[in-house]
């Protein structure tokens, strides 16, 4: 059995996507946990791929991000991800240049 077939692939993909989506929104784990009505430590465990997440919890996460469950398990498009990150950084830079 090769590494891709050894199990946990979906769990690792979910972990990666949850972390990326959270960071792209500028949310803390606490903010995501509140939005998804989950415990903060549970969100941390999801991001570390330490939890076998139920469908109910995946629905809560998807709803918090404004998407559907299959989107949480989709391989990210590197080009789109890069474009989103650039928009996020540009927005952050613009805010910091405007001052308080």
C-alpha atoms as a PDB file:
ATOM      1  CA  UNK A   1       0.000   0.000   0.000  1.00  0.00           C
ATOM      2  CA  UNK A   2       1.450   3.386  -0.970  1.00  0.00           C
ATOM      3  CA  UNK A   3       1.401   6.510   1.191  1.00  0.00           C
ATOM      4  CA  UNK A   4      -1.623   8.001  -0.590  1.00  0.00           C
ATOM      5  CA  UNK A   5      -3.642   4.872   0.203  1.00  0.00           C
ATOM      6  CA  UNK A   6      -2.540   4.526   3.836  1.00  0.00           C
ATOM      7  CA  UNK A   7      -5.441   6.534   5.234  1.00  0.00           C
ATOM      8  CA  UNK A   8      -5.775   9.953   6.768  1.00  0.00           C
ATOM      9  CA  UNK A   9      -5.455  11.746   3.428  1.00  0.00           C
ATOM     10  CA  UNK A  10      -8.874  13.392   3.731  1.00  0.00           C
ATOM     11  CA  UNK A  11      -8.125  14.308   7.347  1.00  0.00           C
ATOM     12  CA  UNK A  12      -4.847  15.996   6.356  1.00  0.00           C
ATOM     13  CA  UNK A  13      -6.541  17.815   3.473  1.00  0.00           C
ATOM     14  CA  UNK A  14      -9.299  19.036   5.796  1.00  0.00           C
ATOM     15  CA  UNK A  15      -6.677  20.179   8.322  1.00  0.00           C
ATOM     16  CA  UNK A  16      -4.770  22.108   5.669  1.00  0.00           C
ATOM     17  CA  UNK A  17      -7.884  23.699   4.199  1.00  0.00           C
ATOM     18  CA  UNK A  18      -9.336  24.734   7.560  1.00  0.00           C
ATOM     19  CA  UNK A  19      -6.073  26.380   8.576  1.00  0.00           C
ATOM     20  CA  UNK A  20      -5.631  28.173   5.236  1.00  0.00           C
ATOM     21  CA  UNK A  21      -9.244  29.373   5.153  1.00  0.00           C
ATOM     22  CA  UNK A  22      -9.001  30.593   8.733  1.00  0.00           C
ATOM     23  CA  UNK A  23      -5.735  32.445   8.182  1.00  0.00           C
ATOM     24  CA  UNK A  24      -6.936  33.989   4.923  1.00  0.00           C
ATOM     25  CA  UNK A  25      -9.849  35.485   6.820  1.00  0.00           C
ATOM     26  CA  UNK A  26      -7.544  36.753   9.544  1.00  0.00           C
ATOM     27  CA  UNK A  27      -9.371  34.674  12.146  1.00  0.00           C
ATOM     28  CA  UNK A  28      -7.908  33.202  15.297  1.00  0.00           C
ATOM     29  CA  UNK A  29      -8.780  29.644  16.223  1.00  0.00           C
ATOM     30  CA  UNK A  30     -11.069  31.139  18.847  1.00  0.00           C
ATOM     31  CA  UNK A  31     -12.928  33.212  16.240  1.00  0.00           C
ATOM     32  CA  UNK A  32     -13.424  30.168  14.011  1.00  0.00           C
ATOM     33  CA  UNK A  33     -14.510  28.062  16.974  1.00  0.00           C
ATOM     34  CA  UNK A  34     -17.098  30.662  17.906  1.00  0.00           C
ATOM     35  CA  UNK A  35     -18.376  30.972  14.329  1.00  0.00           C
ATOM     36  CA  UNK A  36     -18.627  27.182  13.986  1.00  0.00           C
ATOM     37  CA  UNK A  37     -19.926  26.646  17.536  1.00  0.00           C
ATOM     38  CA  UNK A  38     -16.995  24.356  18.364  1.00  0.00           C
ATOM     39  CA  UNK A  39     -14.411  24.345  21.148  1.00  0.00           C
ATOM     40  CA  UNK A  40     -11.161  26.171  20.360  1.00  0.00           C
ATOM     41  CA  UNK A  41      -9.037  23.168  21.293  1.00  0.00           C
ATOM     42  CA  UNK A  42     -11.117  21.011  18.937  1.00  0.00           C
ATOM     43  CA  UNK A  43     -10.408  23.447  16.084  1.00  0.00           C
ATOM     44  CA  UNK A  44      -6.700  23.225  16.938  1.00  0.00           C
ATOM     45  CA  UNK A  45      -6.865  19.436  16.835  1.00  0.00           C
ATOM     46  CA  UNK A  46      -8.623  19.568  13.455  1.00  0.00           C
ATOM     47  CA  UNK A  47      -5.865  21.801  12.083  1.00  0.00           C
ATOM     48  CA  UNK A  48      -3.262  19.325  13.341  1.00  0.00           C
ATOM     49  CA  UNK A  49      -5.167  16.398  11.737  1.00  0.00           C
ATOM     50  CA  UNK A  50      -5.580  14.817  15.167  1.00  0.00           C
ATOM     51  CA  UNK A  51      -9.367  14.497  14.916  1.00  0.00           C
ATOM     52  CA  UNK A  52     -11.580  12.267  12.833  1.00  0.00           C
ATOM     53  CA  UNK A  53     -14.175  14.976  12.231  1.00  0.00           C
ATOM     54  CA  UNK A  54     -17.865  14.085  12.057  1.00  0.00           C
ATOM     55  CA  UNK A  55     -20.043  15.246   9.196  1.00  0.00           C
ATOM     56  CA  UNK A  56     -21.953  17.457  11.619  1.00  0.00           C
ATOM     57  CA  UNK A  57     -18.755  19.287  12.593  1.00  0.00           C
ATOM     58  CA  UNK A  58     -17.719  19.569   8.951  1.00  0.00           C
ATOM     59  CA  UNK A  59     -21.090  21.184   8.220  1.00  0.00           C
ATOM     60  CA  UNK A  60     -20.520  23.674  11.038  1.00  0.00           C
ATOM     61  CA  UNK A  61     -17.059  24.536   9.692  1.00  0.00           C
ATOM     62  CA  UNK A  62     -18.344  24.867   6.137  1.00  0.00           C
ATOM     63  CA  UNK A  63     -21.184  27.131   7.285  1.00  0.00           C
ATOM     64  CA  UNK A  64     -18.728  29.304   9.242  1.00  0.00           C
ATOM     65  CA  UNK A  65     -16.662  29.756   6.074  1.00  0.00           C
ATOM     66  CA  UNK A  66     -19.749  30.321   3.895  1.00  0.00           C
ATOM     67  CA  UNK A  67     -19.236  27.194   1.829  1.00  0.00           C
ATOM     68  CA  UNK A  68     -20.396  23.592   1.524  1.00  0.00           C
ATOM     69  CA  UNK A  69     -18.731  20.476   2.960  1.00  0.00           C
ATOM     70  CA  UNK A  70     -17.226  19.231  -0.341  1.00  0.00           C
ATOM     71  CA  UNK A  71     -15.297  22.532  -0.599  1.00  0.00           C
ATOM     72  CA  UNK A  72     -13.493  21.685   2.645  1.00  0.00           C
ATOM     73  CA  UNK A  73     -12.156  18.477   1.082  1.00  0.00           C
ATOM     74  CA  UNK A  74     -11.160  19.916  -2.282  1.00  0.00           C
ATOM     75  CA  UNK A  75      -7.507  20.133  -3.265  1.00  0.00           C
ATOM     76  CA  UNK A  76      -6.692  23.847  -3.372  1.00  0.00           C
ATOM     77  CA  UNK A  77      -5.851  25.424  -6.722  1.00  0.00           C
ATOM     78  CA  UNK A  78      -2.357  26.875  -6.155  1.00  0.00           C
ATOM     79  CA  UNK A  79      -2.945  29.708  -8.620  1.00  0.00           C
ATOM     80  CA  UNK A  80      -6.203  30.794  -6.995  1.00  0.00           C
ATOM     81  CA  UNK A  81      -4.738  30.358  -3.532  1.00  0.00           C
ATOM     82  CA  UNK A  82      -1.796  32.577  -4.483  1.00  0.00           C
ATOM     83  CA  UNK A  83      -4.125  35.228  -5.894  1.00  0.00           C
ATOM     84  CA  UNK A  84      -6.231  35.184  -2.720  1.00  0.00           C
ATOM     85  CA  UNK A  85      -3.150  35.501  -0.535  1.00  0.00           C
ATOM     86  CA  UNK A  86      -1.887  38.440  -2.581  1.00  0.00           C
ATOM     87  CA  UNK A  87      -5.247  40.191  -2.222  1.00  0.00           C
ATOM     88  CA  UNK A  88      -5.165  39.548   1.517  1.00  0.00           C
ATOM     89  CA  UNK A  89      -1.608  40.875   1.903  1.00  0.00           C
ATOM     90  CA  UNK A  90      -2.366  43.901  -0.268  1.00  0.00           C
ATOM     91  CA  UNK A  91      -5.398  44.673   1.877  1.00  0.00           C
ATOM     92  CA  UNK A  92      -3.331  44.318   5.069  1.00  0.00           C
ATOM     93  CA  UNK A  93      -0.599  46.583   3.681  1.00  0.00           C
ATOM     94  CA  UNK A  94      -3.163  49.179   2.636  1.00  0.00           C
ATOM     95  CA  UNK A  95      -4.652  49.205   6.134  1.00  0.00           C
ATOM     96  CA  UNK A  96      -1.256  49.602   7.797  1.00  0.00           C
ATOM     97  CA  UNK A  97      -0.270  52.468   5.458  1.00  0.00           C
ATOM     98  CA  UNK A  98      -3.431  54.404   6.301  1.00  0.00           C
ATOM     99  CA  UNK A  99      -2.484  54.522   9.952  1.00  0.00           C
ATOM    100  CA  UNK A 100      -4.797  54.610  12.954  1.00  0.00           C
END
